[in-house]
Amino acid sequence: MFYKISINRFSLIIISSFLFLSGIAKADWIQTSGPGGGSCTGLSIVGDTIYAGNGAYVISGGYPTVSTLFMSTDHGVTWIADTSGFSGTVSSVCAIGDTVFASTYQGYLYRKTGSVWTRVTTYFRNSLTLFSINGILYSAYEGGIDKSLDRGSTFVSGGLGIGPYEVFNELFIVDDTLYASTFEGIYKQINSFMWQNKFPRNVTGFLVRGNEFLVTTFDKKLLNHRTEL
């Protein structure tokens, strides 16, 4: 069962976090040198490298139609285009070992070993978001989750029980159990193929802290749960 966190306790969490962060970082936010020229998409950190796309939104399309993938290896001080073999508007980036993966809003999956991207032509999904957990590549898309054990060469479906229009925010592993947060709830993986919605509410944020689940909802509530979902 989830419990609503009181305003006083919520304030204490925020104040404590602020004081902690103030103690370790005394700098203000500053704008980096790029990437400029449009909206930022797919901001991701892989090891010591930051990836980000940029593009200009068009009213009819819903996502940038002209985009460039950039990377920074010096904490955002300088950016260089990383487009060799890559095309589209990046939505997420992750890595397994020395292999980097990127998904696009157009539904394509790219894989990079070294400095050249290669599109995985056998795979296409709408609203594609990538996660890598324990050496497994997960591809979350509208209404399902696939997984690959061979770094994107082949995928198996594992999204039974997930609503057809679900959009995923994040994947977490807690005590070897996989959880997924979506706009319609928090799903728990029951077995290799089946998922169950354990918290059917409009979830905007999901965080695991020790044995405690912290959840924010669309109706502006912060809830916590201290045992297994």
C-alpha atoms as a PDB file:
ATOM      1  CA  MET A   1       0.000   0.000   0.000  1.00  0.00           C
ATOM      2  CA  PHE A   2       1.206   3.471  -0.874  1.00  0.00           C
ATOM      3  CA  TYR A   3       1.064   6.288   1.680  1.00  0.00           C
ATOM      4  CA  LYS A   4       0.780   9.975   0.968  1.00  0.00           C
ATOM      5  CA  ILE A   5       3.726  11.924   2.344  1.00  0.00           C
ATOM      6  CA  SER A   6       2.682  14.871   4.461  1.00  0.00           C
ATOM      7  CA  ILE A   7       3.526  18.409   3.400  1.00  0.00           C
ATOM      8  CA  ASN A   8       5.842  18.784   6.421  1.00  0.00           C
ATOM      9  CA  ARG A   9       7.725  15.598   5.598  1.00  0.00           C
ATOM     10  CA  PHE A  10       7.821  16.459   1.913  1.00  0.00           C
ATOM     11  CA  SER A  11       9.230  19.878   2.773  1.00  0.00           C
ATOM     12  CA  LEU A  12      11.833  18.253   5.019  1.00  0.00           C
ATOM     13  CA  ILE A  13      12.919  15.966   2.163  1.00  0.00           C
ATOM     14  CA  ILE A  14      13.226  18.909  -0.221  1.00  0.00           C
ATOM     15  CA  ILE A  15      15.079  21.089   2.309  1.00  0.00           C
ATOM     16  CA  SER A  16      17.427  18.250   3.283  1.00  0.00           C
ATOM     17  CA  SER A  17      18.166  17.499  -0.361  1.00  0.00           C
ATOM     18  CA  PHE A  18      18.799  21.183  -1.033  1.00  0.00           C
ATOM     19  CA  LEU A  19      21.170  21.498   1.899  1.00  0.00           C
ATOM     20  CA  PHE A  20      23.009  18.338   0.877  1.00  0.00           C
ATOM     21  CA  LEU A  21      23.385  19.470  -2.706  1.00  0.00           C
ATOM     22  CA  SER A  22      24.391  22.948  -1.584  1.00  0.00           C
ATOM     23  CA  GLY A  23      27.197  21.405   0.429  1.00  0.00           C
ATOM     24  CA  ILE A  24      28.669  19.507  -2.520  1.00  0.00           C
ATOM     25  CA  ALA A  25      27.939  21.926  -5.358  1.00  0.00           C
ATOM     26  CA  LYS A  26      28.142  25.677  -4.851  1.00  0.00           C
ATOM     27  CA  ALA A  27      27.844  26.666  -8.526  1.00  0.00           C
ATOM     28  CA  ASP A  28      24.870  28.080 -10.397  1.00  0.00           C
ATOM     29  CA  TRP A  29      23.499  26.609 -13.608  1.00  0.00           C
ATOM     30  CA  ILE A  30      25.335  27.891 -16.657  1.00  0.00           C
ATOM     31  CA  GLN A  31      24.590  27.418 -20.334  1.00  0.00           C
ATOM     32  CA  THR A  32      26.967  25.138 -22.209  1.00  0.00           C
ATOM     33  CA  SER A  33      28.450  25.931 -25.594  1.00  0.00           C
ATOM     34  CA  GLY A  34      25.895  23.764 -27.336  1.00  0.00           C
ATOM     35  CA  PRO A  35      24.390  21.911 -28.980  1.00  0.00           C
ATOM     36  CA  GLY A  36      22.440  24.894 -30.301  1.00  0.00           C
ATOM     37  CA  GLY A  37      20.045  25.515 -33.144  1.00  0.00           C
ATOM     38  CA  GLY A  38      16.871  23.920 -31.792  1.00  0.00           C
ATOM     39  CA  SER A  39      15.228  21.899 -29.070  1.00  0.00           C
ATOM     40  CA  CYS A  40      17.325  19.395 -27.107  1.00  0.00           C
ATOM     41  CA  THR A  41      16.243  15.755 -27.380  1.00  0.00           C
ATOM     42  CA  GLY A  42      17.405  12.462 -25.924  1.00  0.00           C
ATOM     43  CA  LEU A  43      19.826  13.891 -23.357  1.00  0.00           C
ATOM     44  CA  SER A  44      21.705  10.816 -22.076  1.00  0.00           C
ATOM     45  CA  ILE A  45      24.902  10.020 -20.208  1.00  0.00           C
ATOM     46  CA  VAL A  46      26.926   6.937 -21.134  1.00  0.00           C
ATOM     47  CA  GLY A  47      30.045   6.574 -19.011  1.00  0.00           C
ATOM     48  CA  ASP A  48      31.869   9.903 -19.316  1.00  0.00           C
ATOM     49  CA  THR A  49      30.140  10.863 -22.565  1.00  0.00           C
ATOM     50  CA  ILE A  50      27.026  13.033 -22.882  1.00  0.00           C
ATOM     51  CA  TYR A  51      24.772  12.560 -25.905  1.00  0.00           C
ATOM     52  CA  ALA A  52      22.104  15.002 -27.061  1.00  0.00           C
ATOM     53  CA  GLY A  53      20.174  15.720 -30.221  1.00  0.00           C
ATOM     54  CA  ASN A  54      18.796  19.003 -31.445  1.00  0.00           C
ATOM     55  CA  GLY A  55      16.216  20.012 -33.996  1.00  0.00           C
ATOM     56  CA  ALA A  56      13.470  22.459 -34.917  1.00  0.00           C
ATOM     57  CA  TYR A  57       9.912  21.477 -33.999  1.00  0.00           C
ATOM     58  CA  VAL A  58       7.227  21.628 -36.671  1.00  0.00           C
ATOM     59  CA  ILE A  59       3.574  22.124 -35.746  1.00  0.00           C
ATOM     60  CA  SER A  60       2.260  19.220 -37.789  1.00  0.00           C
ATOM     61  CA  GLY A  61       4.884  16.617 -36.961  1.00  0.00           C
ATOM     62  CA  GLY A  62       5.087  16.532 -33.175  1.00  0.00           C
ATOM     63  CA  TYR A  63       8.857  15.925 -33.139  1.00  0.00           C
ATOM     64  CA  PRO A  64      11.855  17.611 -34.771  1.00  0.00           C
ATOM     65  CA  THR A  65      12.224  16.577 -38.403  1.00  0.00           C
ATOM     66  CA  VAL A  66      15.740  17.967 -38.830  1.00  0.00           C
ATOM     67  CA  SER A  67      18.169  16.912 -36.120  1.00  0.00           C
ATOM     68  CA  THR A  68      21.825  16.279 -35.391  1.00  0.00           C
ATOM     69  CA  LEU A  69      23.290  13.980 -32.759  1.00  0.00           C
ATOM     70  CA  PHE A  70      26.029  15.570 -30.658  1.00  0.00           C
ATOM     71  CA  MET A  71      28.412  14.202 -28.058  1.00  0.00           C
ATOM     72  CA  SER A  72      30.566  15.765 -25.358  1.00  0.00           C
ATOM     73  CA  THR A  73      33.440  14.116 -23.514  1.00  0.00           C
ATOM     74  CA  ASP A  74      34.321  17.092 -21.307  1.00  0.00           C
ATOM     75  CA  HIS A  75      31.147  17.529 -19.254  1.00  0.00           C
ATOM     76  CA  GLY A  76      29.391  19.684 -21.852  1.00  0.00           C
ATOM     77  CA  VAL A  77      32.155  22.237 -22.350  1.00  0.00           C
ATOM     78  CA  THR A  78      32.532  21.356 -26.034  1.00  0.00           C
ATOM     79  CA  TRP A  79      30.301  19.374 -28.390  1.00  0.00           C
ATOM     80  CA  ILE A  80      31.004  17.571 -31.655  1.00  0.00           C
ATOM     81  CA  ALA A  81      28.575  16.083 -34.171  1.00  0.00           C
ATOM     82  CA  ASP A  82      28.373  12.274 -33.974  1.00  0.00           C
ATOM     83  CA  THR A  83      26.466  11.540 -37.159  1.00  0.00           C
ATOM     84  CA  SER A  84      28.563   9.018 -39.089  1.00  0.00           C
ATOM     85  CA  GLY A  85      25.910   6.506 -40.159  1.00  0.00           C
ATOM     86  CA  PHE A  86      23.231   8.102 -37.966  1.00  0.00           C
ATOM     87  CA  SER A  87      20.002   9.718 -39.154  1.00  0.00           C
ATOM     88  CA  GLY A  88      16.909  10.884 -37.295  1.00  0.00           C
ATOM     89  CA  THR A  89      15.966  12.576 -34.028  1.00  0.00           C
ATOM     90  CA  VAL A  90      17.542  10.835 -31.050  1.00  0.00           C
ATOM     91  CA  SER A  91      15.171   9.879 -28.224  1.00  0.00           C
ATOM     92  CA  SER A  92      17.424   7.816 -25.932  1.00  0.00           C
ATOM     93  CA  VAL A  93      20.968   6.460 -25.664  1.00  0.00           C
ATOM     94  CA  CYS A  94      22.390   3.633 -23.556  1.00  0.00           C
ATOM     95  CA  ALA A  95      25.340   1.241 -23.655  1.00  0.00           C
ATOM     96  CA  ILE A  96      26.399  -2.316 -22.938  1.00  0.00           C
ATOM     97  CA  GLY A  97      30.149  -2.559 -22.560  1.00  0.00           C
ATOM     98  CA  ASP A  98      31.771  -0.741 -25.484  1.00  0.00           C
ATOM     99  CA  THR A  99      28.634  -0.894 -27.655  1.00  0.00           C
ATOM    100  CA  VAL A 100      26.444   2.225 -27.654  1.00  0.00           C
ATOM    101  CA  PHE A 101      22.781   2.126 -28.694  1.00  0.00           C
ATOM    102  CA  ALA A 102      20.538   4.994 -29.769  1.00  0.00           C
ATOM    103  CA  SER A 103      16.842   5.139 -30.609  1.00  0.00           C
ATOM    104  CA  THR A 104      15.036   7.787 -32.638  1.00  0.00           C
ATOM    105  CA  TYR A 105      11.559   9.287 -32.537  1.00  0.00           C
ATOM    106  CA  GLN A 106      11.127   7.864 -36.025  1.00  0.00           C
ATOM    107  CA  GLY A 107      11.245   4.368 -34.482  1.00  0.00           C
ATOM    108  CA  TYR A 108      14.733   3.252 -35.563  1.00  0.00           C
ATOM    109  CA  LEU A 109      17.446   1.543 -33.550  1.00  0.00           C
ATOM    110  CA  TYR A 110      21.136   2.348 -34.085  1.00  0.00           C
ATOM    111  CA  ARG A 111      24.212   0.604 -32.736  1.00  0.00           C
ATOM    112  CA  LYS A 112      27.765   2.007 -32.525  1.00  0.00           C
ATOM    113  CA  THR A 113      31.025   0.183 -31.921  1.00  0.00           C
ATOM    114  CA  GLY A 114      33.971   2.508 -32.391  1.00  0.00           C
ATOM    115  CA  SER A 115      32.960   5.720 -34.161  1.00  0.00           C
ATOM    116  CA  VAL A 116      30.384   4.622 -36.764  1.00  0.00           C
ATOM    117  CA  TRP A 117      26.648   4.109 -36.222  1.00  0.00           C
ATOM    118  CA  THR A 118      24.815   1.262 -37.951  1.00  0.00           C
ATOM    119  CA  ARG A 119      21.039   1.018 -38.164  1.00  0.00           C
ATOM    120  CA  VAL A 120      19.554  -2.299 -37.076  1.00  0.00           C
ATOM    121  CA  THR A 121      17.385  -2.689 -40.166  1.00  0.00           C
ATOM    122  CA  THR A 122      15.457  -5.683 -38.819  1.00  0.00           C
ATOM    123  CA  TYR A 123      13.947  -3.739 -35.914  1.00  0.00           C
ATOM    124  CA  PHE A 124      11.356  -0.950 -35.856  1.00  0.00           C
ATOM    125  CA  ARG A 125       9.018   0.228 -33.086  1.00  0.00           C
ATOM    126  CA  ASN A 126       6.966   3.379 -32.478  1.00  0.00           C
ATOM    127  CA  SER A 127       7.906   5.590 -29.484  1.00  0.00           C
ATOM    128  CA  LEU A 128      11.122   3.655 -28.918  1.00  0.00           C
ATOM    129  CA  THR A 129      13.062   4.117 -25.650  1.00  0.00           C
ATOM    130  CA  LEU A 130      16.140   2.085 -24.729  1.00  0.00           C
ATOM    131  CA  PHE A 131      17.365   0.811 -21.349  1.00  0.00           C
ATOM    132  CA  SER A 132      20.334  -1.428 -20.525  1.00  0.00           C
ATOM    133  CA  ILE A 133      20.190  -3.411 -17.294  1.00  0.00           C
ATOM    134  CA  ASN A 134      22.617  -6.178 -16.273  1.00  0.00           C
ATOM    135  CA  GLY A 135      23.888  -6.614 -19.827  1.00  0.00           C
ATOM    136  CA  ILE A 136      20.401  -6.904 -21.334  1.00  0.00           C
ATOM    137  CA  LEU A 137      19.117  -4.359 -23.850  1.00  0.00           C
ATOM    138  CA  TYR A 138      15.458  -3.454 -23.288  1.00  0.00           C
ATOM    139  CA  SER A 139      13.426  -1.687 -25.951  1.00  0.00           C
ATOM    140  CA  ALA A 140      10.308  -0.055 -24.495  1.00  0.00           C
ATOM    141  CA  TYR A 141       7.750   1.203 -26.982  1.00  0.00           C
ATOM    142  CA  GLU A 142       4.088   2.163 -27.032  1.00  0.00           C
ATOM    143  CA  GLY A 143       2.313  -0.872 -25.598  1.00  0.00           C
ATOM    144  CA  GLY A 144       5.199  -3.271 -25.058  1.00  0.00           C
ATOM    145  CA  ILE A 145       8.753  -4.175 -24.077  1.00  0.00           C
ATOM    146  CA  ASP A 146      11.236  -6.275 -26.067  1.00  0.00           C
ATOM    147  CA  LYS A 147      14.612  -7.486 -24.869  1.00  0.00           C
ATOM    148  CA  SER A 148      17.853  -8.539 -26.534  1.00  0.00           C
ATOM    149  CA  LEU A 149      20.515 -10.803 -25.062  1.00  0.00           C
ATOM    150  CA  ASP A 150      22.918 -10.352 -28.004  1.00  0.00           C
ATOM    151  CA  ARG A 151      23.367  -6.563 -28.102  1.00  0.00           C
ATOM    152  CA  GLY A 152      20.542  -5.824 -30.501  1.00  0.00           C
ATOM    153  CA  SER A 153      21.071  -8.565 -33.068  1.00  0.00           C
ATOM    154  CA  THR A 154      17.814 -10.292 -32.128  1.00  0.00           C
ATOM    155  CA  PHE A 155      14.872  -9.373 -29.881  1.00  0.00           C
ATOM    156  CA  VAL A 156      12.187 -11.348 -28.095  1.00  0.00           C
ATOM    157  CA  SER A 157       8.857  -9.912 -27.024  1.00  0.00           C
ATOM    158  CA  GLY A 158       8.140  -9.713 -23.326  1.00  0.00           C
ATOM    159  CA  GLY A 159       5.266  -7.291 -22.856  1.00  0.00           C
ATOM    160  CA  LEU A 160       2.172  -9.380 -22.114  1.00  0.00           C
ATOM    161  CA  GLY A 161      -0.209  -7.621 -19.727  1.00  0.00           C
ATOM    162  CA  ILE A 162       0.892  -4.106 -20.710  1.00  0.00           C
ATOM    163  CA  GLY A 163      -1.777  -1.766 -22.040  1.00  0.00           C
ATOM    164  CA  PRO A 164      -1.700  -1.111 -25.813  1.00  0.00           C
ATOM    165  CA  TYR A 165      -1.063   2.625 -25.429  1.00  0.00           C
ATOM    166  CA  GLU A 166       1.391   2.651 -22.528  1.00  0.00           C
ATOM    167  CA  VAL A 167       4.380   5.021 -22.798  1.00  0.00           C
ATOM    168  CA  PHE A 168       7.342   4.180 -20.564  1.00  0.00           C
ATOM    169  CA  ASN A 169       9.273   6.586 -18.333  1.00  0.00           C
ATOM    170  CA  GLU A 170      11.862   4.382 -16.660  1.00  0.00           C
ATOM    171  CA  LEU A 171      12.877   0.807 -15.877  1.00  0.00           C
ATOM    172  CA  PHE A 172      14.267  -0.285 -12.496  1.00  0.00           C
ATOM    173  CA  ILE A 173      15.528  -3.516 -10.961  1.00  0.00           C
ATOM    174  CA  VAL A 174      14.797  -4.059  -7.275  1.00  0.00           C
ATOM    175  CA  ASP A 175      15.925  -7.347  -5.681  1.00  0.00           C
ATOM    176  CA  ASP A 176      16.290  -8.929  -9.151  1.00  0.00           C
ATOM    177  CA  THR A 177      12.733  -7.921 -10.105  1.00  0.00           C
ATOM    178  CA  LEU A 178      12.137  -5.589 -13.047  1.00  0.00           C
ATOM    179  CA  TYR A 179       9.712  -2.654 -12.671  1.00  0.00           C
ATOM    180  CA  ALA A 180       8.540  -0.187 -15.308  1.00  0.00           C
ATOM    181  CA  SER A 181       6.891   3.162 -14.690  1.00  0.00           C
ATOM    182  CA  THR A 182       4.386   4.435 -17.244  1.00  0.00           C
ATOM    183  CA  PHE A 183       1.790   7.182 -17.469  1.00  0.00           C
ATOM    184  CA  GLU A 184      -0.820   4.601 -16.406  1.00  0.00           C
ATOM    185  CA  GLY A 185       0.931   2.985 -13.439  1.00  0.00           C
ATOM    186  CA  ILE A 186       3.861   0.928 -12.195  1.00  0.00           C
ATOM    187  CA  TYR A 187       4.255  -2.491 -13.780  1.00  0.00           C
ATOM    188  CA  LYS A 188       6.044  -5.438 -12.209  1.00  0.00           C
ATOM    189  CA  GLN A 189       7.510  -8.217 -14.335  1.00  0.00           C
ATOM    190  CA  ILE A 190       5.905 -11.471 -13.151  1.00  0.00           C
ATOM    191  CA  ASN A 191       7.895 -13.746 -15.482  1.00  0.00           C
ATOM    192  CA  SER A 192       9.851 -13.462 -18.732  1.00  0.00           C
ATOM    193  CA  PHE A 193       6.758 -12.473 -20.714  1.00  0.00           C
ATOM    194  CA  MET A 194       4.061 -11.252 -18.299  1.00  0.00           C
ATOM    195  CA  TRP A 195       3.689  -7.894 -16.527  1.00  0.00           C
ATOM    196  CA  GLN A 196       1.157  -6.752 -13.924  1.00  0.00           C
ATOM    197  CA  ASN A 197       0.115  -3.195 -13.086  1.00  0.00           C
ATOM    198  CA  LYS A 198       0.707  -2.891  -9.330  1.00  0.00           C
ATOM    199  CA  PHE A 199      -0.158   0.788  -9.037  1.00  0.00           C
ATOM    200  CA  PRO A 200      -2.800   1.849 -11.615  1.00  0.00           C
ATOM    201  CA  ARG A 201      -2.474   5.610 -11.382  1.00  0.00           C
ATOM    202  CA  ASN A 202      -1.113   8.333 -13.627  1.00  0.00           C
ATOM    203  CA  VAL A 203       2.573   8.232 -12.647  1.00  0.00           C
ATOM    204  CA  THR A 204       4.850  11.159 -13.483  1.00  0.00           C
ATOM    205  CA  GLY A 205       7.927  10.042 -11.535  1.00  0.00           C
ATOM    206  CA  PHE A 206       9.267   6.846  -9.962  1.00  0.00           C
ATOM    207  CA  LEU A 207      12.329   6.474  -7.742  1.00  0.00           C
ATOM    208  CA  VAL A 208      13.721   3.633  -5.639  1.00  0.00           C
ATOM    209  CA  ARG A 209      15.601   4.550  -2.459  1.00  0.00           C
ATOM    210  CA  GLY A 210      16.760   1.499  -0.520  1.00  0.00           C
ATOM    211  CA  ASN A 211      13.610  -0.507   0.229  1.00  0.00           C
ATOM    212  CA  GLU A 212      11.333   2.478  -0.365  1.00  0.00           C
ATOM    213  CA  PHE A 213       9.440   3.353  -3.535  1.00  0.00           C
ATOM    214  CA  LEU A 214       8.785   7.062  -4.076  1.00  0.00           C
ATOM    215  CA  VAL A 215       6.127   7.955  -6.640  1.00  0.00           C
ATOM    216  CA  THR A 216       4.792  11.258  -7.931  1.00  0.00           C
ATOM    217  CA  THR A 217       1.427  11.375  -9.675  1.00  0.00           C
ATOM    218  CA  PHE A 218      -0.294  13.634 -12.170  1.00  0.00           C
ATOM    219  CA  ASP A 219      -2.618  14.963  -9.441  1.00  0.00           C
ATOM    220  CA  LYS A 220       0.441  16.414  -7.624  1.00  0.00           C
ATOM    221  CA  LYS A 221       0.837  13.780  -4.905  1.00  0.00           C
ATOM    222  CA  LEU A 222       4.055  12.273  -3.545  1.00  0.00           C
ATOM    223  CA  LEU A 223       3.521   8.731  -2.257  1.00  0.00           C
ATOM    224  CA  ASN A 224       5.795   6.160  -0.698  1.00  0.00           C
ATOM    225  CA  HIS A 225       5.760   2.395  -0.252  1.00  0.00           C
ATOM    226  CA  ARG A 226       8.199   0.562   2.009  1.00  0.00           C
ATOM    227  CA  THR A 227       7.678  -3.072   1.063  1.00  0.00           C
ATOM    228  CA  GLU A 228       7.702  -5.085  -2.161  1.00  0.00           C
ATOM    229  CA  LEU A 229       5.089  -4.060  -4.715  1.00  0.00           C
END
